[in-house]
Amino acid sequence: MVINGIEKDYAEGITLSEVLAKEGYKPEQIAVECNEEIVPKAEYQTYILNATDHLEVVKFMGGG
């Protein structure tokens, strides 16, 4: 699995929410794209990942 361009070693069948927790992300502060498709936040708990998936995680930043 690749997360933001970095190869990661996670077991096949892990959920997106489990990976995000292990990587230290807070779901309310991010958006996730898996294989070039946005994953709705409501699906994070049930979205099953494969070893070949490519994730892009974008953090929201405040500013002005």
Protein backbone atom coordinates (compact mmCIF):
# COMPACT_ATOMS: atom_id res chain seq x y z
CA MET A 1 0.00 0.00 0.00
CA VAL A 2 1.19 3.50 -0.78
CA ILE A 3 0.16 6.46 1.38
CA ASN A 4 1.06 9.93 0.09
CA GLY A 5 3.79 8.42 -2.07
CA ILE A 6 5.37 6.33 0.71
CA GLU A 7 5.28 2.53 0.66
CA LYS A 8 3.60 1.13 3.79
CA ASP A 9 3.28 -2.46 4.98
CA TYR A 10 -0.30 -3.07 6.14
CA ALA A 11 -2.17 -6.37 6.10
CA GLU A 12 -4.64 -7.03 3.31
CA GLY A 13 -8.23 -6.43 4.45
CA ILE A 14 -7.54 -3.66 6.97
CA THR A 15 -10.12 -0.87 7.07
CA LEU A 16 -9.38 2.69 6.06
CA SER A 17 -10.21 3.94 9.57
CA GLU A 18 -7.67 1.50 11.07
CA VAL A 19 -4.93 2.71 8.75
CA LEU A 20 -5.76 6.36 9.43
CA ALA A 21 -5.60 5.75 13.19
CA LYS A 22 -2.24 3.94 12.90
CA GLU A 23 -0.88 6.81 10.79
CA GLY A 24 -2.07 9.39 13.35
CA TYR A 25 -4.70 11.11 11.22
CA LYS A 26 -7.89 12.60 12.68
CA PRO A 27 -10.78 11.85 10.28
CA GLU A 28 -12.48 15.19 10.92
CA GLN A 29 -9.37 17.04 9.67
CA ILE A 30 -8.69 15.14 6.44
CA ALA A 31 -9.99 14.01 3.06
CA VAL A 32 -8.93 10.68 1.58
CA GLU A 33 -8.58 9.54 -2.00
CA CYS A 34 -8.09 5.84 -2.75
CA ASN A 35 -6.94 4.92 -6.24
CA GLU A 36 -7.95 8.38 -7.49
CA GLU A 37 -11.49 8.24 -6.03
CA ILE A 38 -12.63 10.22 -2.98
CA VAL A 39 -13.78 8.04 -0.09
CA PRO A 40 -16.76 9.51 1.81
CA LYS A 41 -16.10 9.91 5.55
CA ALA A 42 -19.18 7.78 6.28
CA GLU A 43 -17.38 4.81 4.65
CA TYR A 44 -14.04 5.03 6.53
CA GLN A 45 -15.11 2.37 9.09
CA THR A 46 -16.20 -0.15 6.46
CA TYR A 47 -13.87 0.66 3.53
CA ILE A 48 -11.58 -2.37 3.11
CA LEU A 49 -8.12 -1.74 1.67
CA ASN A 50 -5.93 -3.96 -0.51
CA ALA A 51 -2.14 -4.22 -0.51
CA THR A 52 -1.99 -2.53 -3.93
CA ASP A 53 -4.11 0.51 -3.03
CA HIS A 54 -2.75 4.03 -3.34
CA LEU A 55 -4.02 6.52 -0.78
CA GLU A 56 -3.69 10.27 -0.80
CA VAL A 57 -4.53 11.91 2.51
CA VAL A 58 -5.02 15.68 2.52
CA LYS A 59 -5.13 17.66 5.77
CA PHE A 60 -7.29 20.75 6.01
CA MET A 61 -5.36 23.85 7.04
CA GLY A 62 -6.73 27.09 8.34
CA GLY A 63 -5.32 30.43 7.46
CA GLY A 64 -6.03 33.66 5.85
